[in-house]
């Protein structure tokens, strides 16, 4: 009889502390946020280039991130200058900036080492200073999509470091000597995340 009572009490205690598993559970909901700088090494116009920017976002249940980011070219990349029928190779510097909404899903976020899948959807602009007209020729705004995979380490409770690989796809970056193949390409990324995870 004592064994039956002990088993019964154990079942009752287990049922008391057990929680219903649902798709969305308010009792298990957590919210946080982060921000930080991002370094990207890529190829633009067939030249090695460095992009510097920043991103931030809202973290839901440690796993889903909704946010945004913006990135700009920080190194010298030469482009051809077109003046009428004349083409002057590598006569000026490329300027590039893009950004947009970012979505990221982190797998096993509470583990020290984990991976995430990330995507940026947004817009960009590539242009250069025309030495003959002495003003900036603004390229058309173009669409940008950038999927990525990141390998992340939880350094501290408030600092995470992520390294990853992405591919920047552009559509509509056609302006004089600049076109989509000049500004699309793979990126190696390093992200410094500071916040409440």
C-alpha atoms as a PDB file:
ATOM      1  CA  UNK A   1       0.000   0.000   0.000  1.00  0.00           C
ATOM      2  CA  UNK A   2       2.843   2.329   0.821  1.00  0.00           C
ATOM      3  CA  UNK A   3       4.325   1.723  -2.654  1.00  0.00           C
ATOM      4  CA  UNK A   4       0.989   2.519  -4.288  1.00  0.00           C
ATOM      5  CA  UNK A   5       0.746   5.804  -2.360  1.00  0.00           C
ATOM      6  CA  UNK A   6       4.324   6.747  -3.265  1.00  0.00           C
ATOM      7  CA  UNK A   7       3.692   5.981  -6.948  1.00  0.00           C
ATOM      8  CA  UNK A   8       0.406   7.926  -6.835  1.00  0.00           C
ATOM      9  CA  UNK A   9       2.097  10.940  -5.199  1.00  0.00           C
ATOM     10  CA  UNK A  10       4.937  10.811  -7.734  1.00  0.00           C
ATOM     11  CA  UNK A  11       2.426  10.840 -10.603  1.00  0.00           C
ATOM     12  CA  UNK A  12       0.514  13.728  -9.027  1.00  0.00           C
ATOM     13  CA  UNK A  13       3.702  15.761  -8.521  1.00  0.00           C
ATOM     14  CA  UNK A  14       4.803  15.092 -12.085  1.00  0.00           C
ATOM     15  CA  UNK A  15       1.407  16.168 -13.430  1.00  0.00           C
ATOM     16  CA  UNK A  16       1.473  19.293 -11.280  1.00  0.00           C
ATOM     17  CA  UNK A  17       4.763  20.477 -12.765  1.00  0.00           C
ATOM     18  CA  UNK A  18       4.114  19.271 -16.314  1.00  0.00           C
ATOM     19  CA  UNK A  19       3.057  21.932 -18.819  1.00  0.00           C
ATOM     20  CA  UNK A  20       1.003  21.544 -21.938  1.00  0.00           C
ATOM     21  CA  UNK A  21       3.106  21.758 -25.086  1.00  0.00           C
ATOM     22  CA  UNK A  22       1.676  24.180 -27.619  1.00  0.00           C
ATOM     23  CA  UNK A  23       2.899  25.975 -30.711  1.00  0.00           C
ATOM     24  CA  UNK A  24       2.767  29.315 -28.892  1.00  0.00           C
ATOM     25  CA  UNK A  25       2.990  29.279 -25.117  1.00  0.00           C
ATOM     26  CA  UNK A  26       2.882  32.479 -23.070  1.00  0.00           C
ATOM     27  CA  UNK A  27       4.422  30.718 -20.065  1.00  0.00           C
ATOM     28  CA  UNK A  28       7.547  29.860 -22.075  1.00  0.00           C
ATOM     29  CA  UNK A  29       7.781  33.151 -23.957  1.00  0.00           C
ATOM     30  CA  UNK A  30      10.975  35.168 -23.727  1.00  0.00           C
ATOM     31  CA  UNK A  31      12.010  38.350 -25.448  1.00  0.00           C
ATOM     32  CA  UNK A  32      15.345  40.066 -25.952  1.00  0.00           C
ATOM     33  CA  UNK A  33      17.314  42.121 -28.376  1.00  0.00           C
ATOM     34  CA  UNK A  34      20.783  42.751 -29.736  1.00  0.00           C
ATOM     35  CA  UNK A  35      22.851  45.093 -31.871  1.00  0.00           C
ATOM     36  CA  UNK A  36      26.392  45.171 -33.136  1.00  0.00           C
ATOM     37  CA  UNK A  37      28.889  45.683 -35.932  1.00  0.00           C
ATOM     38  CA  UNK A  38      29.367  43.345 -38.911  1.00  0.00           C
ATOM     39  CA  UNK A  39      32.422  42.836 -41.131  1.00  0.00           C
ATOM     40  CA  UNK A  40      32.041  41.224 -44.551  1.00  0.00           C
ATOM     41  CA  UNK A  41      34.794  40.233 -46.959  1.00  0.00           C
ATOM     42  CA  UNK A  42      33.581  39.883 -50.533  1.00  0.00           C
ATOM     43  CA  UNK A  43      34.407  40.451 -54.194  1.00  0.00           C
ATOM     44  CA  UNK A  44      33.105  43.522 -56.027  1.00  0.00           C
ATOM     45  CA  UNK A  45      33.928  44.160 -59.672  1.00  0.00           C
ATOM     46  CA  UNK A  46      36.398  41.211 -59.428  1.00  0.00           C
ATOM     47  CA  UNK A  47      38.305  42.919 -56.612  1.00  0.00           C
ATOM     48  CA  UNK A  48      38.635  41.846 -52.977  1.00  0.00           C
ATOM     49  CA  UNK A  49      36.575  44.210 -50.835  1.00  0.00           C
ATOM     50  CA  UNK A  50      35.545  44.890 -47.252  1.00  0.00           C
ATOM     51  CA  UNK A  51      32.013  45.863 -46.254  1.00  0.00           C
ATOM     52  CA  UNK A  52      31.346  47.353 -42.824  1.00  0.00           C
ATOM     53  CA  UNK A  53      27.925  47.723 -41.289  1.00  0.00           C
ATOM     54  CA  UNK A  54      25.683  46.939 -38.408  1.00  0.00           C
ATOM     55  CA  UNK A  55      22.623  44.928 -37.571  1.00  0.00           C
ATOM     56  CA  UNK A  56      20.158  44.604 -34.748  1.00  0.00           C
ATOM     57  CA  UNK A  57      16.983  42.778 -33.937  1.00  0.00           C
ATOM     58  CA  UNK A  58      14.299  41.537 -31.624  1.00  0.00           C
ATOM     59  CA  UNK A  59      14.937  38.012 -30.278  1.00  0.00           C
ATOM     60  CA  UNK A  60      11.874  35.840 -29.635  1.00  0.00           C
ATOM     61  CA  UNK A  61      12.248  32.710 -27.465  1.00  0.00           C
ATOM     62  CA  UNK A  62      16.040  32.792 -27.907  1.00  0.00           C
ATOM     63  CA  UNK A  63      15.645  31.487 -31.487  1.00  0.00           C
ATOM     64  CA  UNK A  64      13.793  33.798 -33.881  1.00  0.00           C
ATOM     65  CA  UNK A  65      15.320  37.169 -34.761  1.00  0.00           C
ATOM     66  CA  UNK A  66      13.442  39.907 -36.617  1.00  0.00           C
ATOM     67  CA  UNK A  67      15.483  43.011 -37.396  1.00  0.00           C
ATOM     68  CA  UNK A  68      17.448  44.944 -39.929  1.00  0.00           C
ATOM     69  CA  UNK A  69      20.908  45.860 -41.085  1.00  0.00           C
ATOM     70  CA  UNK A  70      22.828  48.243 -43.318  1.00  0.00           C
ATOM     71  CA  UNK A  71      26.231  47.758 -44.990  1.00  0.00           C
ATOM     72  CA  UNK A  72      28.602  49.927 -46.987  1.00  0.00           C
ATOM     73  CA  UNK A  73      31.802  49.513 -48.961  1.00  0.00           C
ATOM     74  CA  UNK A  74      34.868  50.500 -46.923  1.00  0.00           C
ATOM     75  CA  UNK A  75      37.726  49.728 -49.339  1.00  0.00           C
ATOM     76  CA  UNK A  76      38.784  51.103 -52.713  1.00  0.00           C
ATOM     77  CA  UNK A  77      37.231  49.327 -55.693  1.00  0.00           C
ATOM     78  CA  UNK A  78      37.948  50.785 -59.123  1.00  0.00           C
ATOM     79  CA  UNK A  79      35.401  50.942 -61.953  1.00  0.00           C
ATOM     80  CA  UNK A  80      35.462  51.980 -65.582  1.00  0.00           C
ATOM     81  CA  UNK A  81      34.271  55.473 -66.447  1.00  0.00           C
ATOM     82  CA  UNK A  82      32.156  55.872 -69.582  1.00  0.00           C
ATOM     83  CA  UNK A  83      32.131  59.270 -71.290  1.00  0.00           C
ATOM     84  CA  UNK A  84      30.189  59.150 -74.517  1.00  0.00           C
ATOM     85  CA  UNK A  85      31.861  56.537 -76.718  1.00  0.00           C
ATOM     86  CA  UNK A  86      35.027  56.506 -74.602  1.00  0.00           C
ATOM     87  CA  UNK A  87      35.724  53.986 -71.846  1.00  0.00           C
ATOM     88  CA  UNK A  88      38.394  54.792 -69.262  1.00  0.00           C
ATOM     89  CA  UNK A  89      39.321  51.556 -67.440  1.00  0.00           C
ATOM     90  CA  UNK A  90      39.566  51.699 -63.644  1.00  0.00           C
ATOM     91  CA  UNK A  91      39.266  55.478 -63.680  1.00  0.00           C
ATOM     92  CA  UNK A  92      37.221  55.894 -60.513  1.00  0.00           C
ATOM     93  CA  UNK A  93      36.008  54.373 -57.257  1.00  0.00           C
ATOM     94  CA  UNK A  94      32.884  52.333 -56.707  1.00  0.00           C
ATOM     95  CA  UNK A  95      30.502  53.317 -53.914  1.00  0.00           C
ATOM     96  CA  UNK A  96      28.059  50.706 -52.632  1.00  0.00           C
ATOM     97  CA  UNK A  97      25.494  50.612 -49.845  1.00  0.00           C
ATOM     98  CA  UNK A  98      22.648  48.206 -49.131  1.00  0.00           C
ATOM     99  CA  UNK A  99      20.406  47.108 -46.326  1.00  0.00           C
ATOM    100  CA  UNK A 100      16.991  45.837 -45.389  1.00  0.00           C
ATOM    101  CA  UNK A 101      14.940  43.551 -43.204  1.00  0.00           C
ATOM    102  CA  UNK A 102      16.712  40.563 -41.673  1.00  0.00           C
ATOM    103  CA  UNK A 103      15.327  37.249 -40.445  1.00  0.00           C
ATOM    104  CA  UNK A 104      17.362  34.675 -38.521  1.00  0.00           C
ATOM    105  CA  UNK A 105      16.555  31.344 -36.902  1.00  0.00           C
ATOM    106  CA  UNK A 106      18.986  29.948 -34.320  1.00  0.00           C
ATOM    107  CA  UNK A 107      19.135  26.211 -33.685  1.00  0.00           C
ATOM    108  CA  UNK A 108      19.850  25.122 -30.067  1.00  0.00           C
ATOM    109  CA  UNK A 109      20.531  28.724 -28.964  1.00  0.00           C
ATOM    110  CA  UNK A 110      21.304  27.797 -25.344  1.00  0.00           C
ATOM    111  CA  UNK A 111      24.228  25.570 -26.378  1.00  0.00           C
ATOM    112  CA  UNK A 112      27.652  27.228 -26.320  1.00  0.00           C
ATOM    113  CA  UNK A 113      28.174  26.443 -30.016  1.00  0.00           C
ATOM    114  CA  UNK A 114      25.266  26.496 -32.460  1.00  0.00           C
ATOM    115  CA  UNK A 115      24.272  27.404 -36.013  1.00  0.00           C
ATOM    116  CA  UNK A 116      21.714  29.747 -37.521  1.00  0.00           C
ATOM    117  CA  UNK A 117      20.093  30.403 -40.881  1.00  0.00           C
ATOM    118  CA  UNK A 118      19.769  34.052 -41.879  1.00  0.00           C
ATOM    119  CA  UNK A 119      18.330  36.081 -44.750  1.00  0.00           C
ATOM    120  CA  UNK A 120      18.323  39.768 -45.697  1.00  0.00           C
ATOM    121  CA  UNK A 121      15.721  41.217 -48.055  1.00  0.00           C
ATOM    122  CA  UNK A 122      16.169  44.834 -49.053  1.00  0.00           C
ATOM    123  CA  UNK A 123      17.598  47.335 -51.495  1.00  0.00           C
ATOM    124  CA  UNK A 124      20.908  48.887 -52.437  1.00  0.00           C
ATOM    125  CA  UNK A 125      22.612  51.457 -54.611  1.00  0.00           C
ATOM    126  CA  UNK A 126      25.926  51.412 -56.458  1.00  0.00           C
ATOM    127  CA  UNK A 127      27.425  54.541 -57.998  1.00  0.00           C
ATOM    128  CA  UNK A 128      30.692  56.346 -58.645  1.00  0.00           C
ATOM    129  CA  UNK A 129      32.003  59.879 -59.036  1.00  0.00           C
ATOM    130  CA  UNK A 130      32.211  60.833 -62.697  1.00  0.00           C
ATOM    131  CA  UNK A 131      35.517  62.708 -63.077  1.00  0.00           C
ATOM    132  CA  UNK A 132      34.322  64.450 -66.209  1.00  0.00           C
ATOM    133  CA  UNK A 133      31.069  65.845 -64.849  1.00  0.00           C
ATOM    134  CA  UNK A 134      32.492  66.302 -61.329  1.00  0.00           C
ATOM    135  CA  UNK A 135      29.335  65.003 -59.646  1.00  0.00           C
ATOM    136  CA  UNK A 136      27.997  61.726 -58.396  1.00  0.00           C
ATOM    137  CA  UNK A 137      26.127  59.601 -60.889  1.00  0.00           C
ATOM    138  CA  UNK A 138      23.554  57.775 -58.836  1.00  0.00           C
ATOM    139  CA  UNK A 139      22.771  54.262 -59.937  1.00  0.00           C
ATOM    140  CA  UNK A 140      19.261  52.907 -59.866  1.00  0.00           C
ATOM    141  CA  UNK A 141      18.048  51.363 -56.646  1.00  0.00           C
ATOM    142  CA  UNK A 142      18.267  47.581 -56.936  1.00  0.00           C
ATOM    143  CA  UNK A 143      16.841  44.583 -55.093  1.00  0.00           C
ATOM    144  CA  UNK A 144      19.077  42.620 -52.699  1.00  0.00           C
ATOM    145  CA  UNK A 145      18.561  39.150 -51.217  1.00  0.00           C
ATOM    146  CA  UNK A 146      21.276  37.613 -49.042  1.00  0.00           C
ATOM    147  CA  UNK A 147      20.852  34.157 -47.483  1.00  0.00           C
ATOM    148  CA  UNK A 148      23.512  32.945 -45.031  1.00  0.00           C
ATOM    149  CA  UNK A 149      24.561  30.282 -42.574  1.00  0.00           C
ATOM    150  CA  UNK A 150      26.287  31.306 -39.337  1.00  0.00           C
ATOM    151  CA  UNK A 151      28.292  29.410 -36.731  1.00  0.00           C
ATOM    152  CA  UNK A 152      27.847  31.149 -33.388  1.00  0.00           C
ATOM    153  CA  UNK A 153      29.453  30.936 -29.955  1.00  0.00           C
ATOM    154  CA  UNK A 154      27.943  32.267 -26.722  1.00  0.00           C
ATOM    155  CA  UNK A 155      31.013  34.055 -25.318  1.00  0.00           C
ATOM    156  CA  UNK A 156      29.127  35.572 -22.356  1.00  0.00           C
ATOM    157  CA  UNK A 157      25.479  36.096 -21.430  1.00  0.00           C
ATOM    158  CA  UNK A 158      25.583  39.459 -23.196  1.00  0.00           C
ATOM    159  CA  UNK A 159      28.055  38.873 -26.041  1.00  0.00           C
ATOM    160  CA  UNK A 160      27.827  36.343 -28.882  1.00  0.00           C
ATOM    161  CA  UNK A 161      30.261  36.021 -31.809  1.00  0.00           C
ATOM    162  CA  UNK A 162      29.159  34.621 -35.176  1.00  0.00           C
ATOM    163  CA  UNK A 163      31.133  33.702 -38.301  1.00  0.00           C
ATOM    164  CA  UNK A 164      29.360  32.765 -41.498  1.00  0.00           C
ATOM    165  CA  UNK A 165      29.077  32.620 -45.244  1.00  0.00           C
ATOM    166  CA  UNK A 166      26.434  34.388 -47.327  1.00  0.00           C
ATOM    167  CA  UNK A 167      25.621  35.082 -50.957  1.00  0.00           C
ATOM    168  CA  UNK A 168      24.542  38.581 -51.994  1.00  0.00           C
ATOM    169  CA  UNK A 169      22.114  38.391 -54.944  1.00  0.00           C
ATOM    170  CA  UNK A 170      21.216  41.641 -56.695  1.00  0.00           C
ATOM    171  CA  UNK A 171      18.703  42.409 -59.428  1.00  0.00           C
ATOM    172  CA  UNK A 172      18.550  45.751 -61.229  1.00  0.00           C
ATOM    173  CA  UNK A 173      22.056  47.102 -60.537  1.00  0.00           C
ATOM    174  CA  UNK A 174      22.617  48.006 -64.178  1.00  0.00           C
ATOM    175  CA  UNK A 175      24.147  51.442 -64.598  1.00  0.00           C
ATOM    176  CA  UNK A 176      26.851  52.307 -67.116  1.00  0.00           C
ATOM    177  CA  UNK A 177      29.882  50.158 -66.204  1.00  0.00           C
ATOM    178  CA  UNK A 178      28.171  48.628 -63.143  1.00  0.00           C
ATOM    179  CA  UNK A 179      25.859  45.622 -63.405  1.00  0.00           C
ATOM    180  CA  UNK A 180      24.514  42.821 -61.236  1.00  0.00           C
ATOM    181  CA  UNK A 181      27.547  40.525 -61.744  1.00  0.00           C
ATOM    182  CA  UNK A 182      29.808  43.343 -60.464  1.00  0.00           C
ATOM    183  CA  UNK A 183      28.016  43.638 -57.119  1.00  0.00           C
ATOM    184  CA  UNK A 184      26.680  40.115 -56.508  1.00  0.00           C
ATOM    185  CA  UNK A 185      28.838  37.495 -54.815  1.00  0.00           C
ATOM    186  CA  UNK A 186      29.800  35.429 -51.783  1.00  0.00           C
ATOM    187  CA  UNK A 187      30.661  37.013 -48.438  1.00  0.00           C
ATOM    188  CA  UNK A 188      32.622  35.841 -45.427  1.00  0.00           C
ATOM    189  CA  UNK A 189      31.003  37.448 -42.372  1.00  0.00           C
ATOM    190  CA  UNK A 190      31.963  38.205 -38.788  1.00  0.00           C
ATOM    191  CA  UNK A 191      29.171  39.502 -36.523  1.00  0.00           C
ATOM    192  CA  UNK A 192      29.558  40.879 -32.991  1.00  0.00           C
ATOM    193  CA  UNK A 193      26.257  40.611 -31.097  1.00  0.00           C
ATOM    194  CA  UNK A 194      25.712  42.580 -27.890  1.00  0.00           C
ATOM    195  CA  UNK A 195      22.445  42.343 -26.027  1.00  0.00           C
ATOM    196  CA  UNK A 196      19.968  40.273 -24.044  1.00  0.00           C
ATOM    197  CA  UNK A 197      19.692  36.826 -25.553  1.00  0.00           C
END
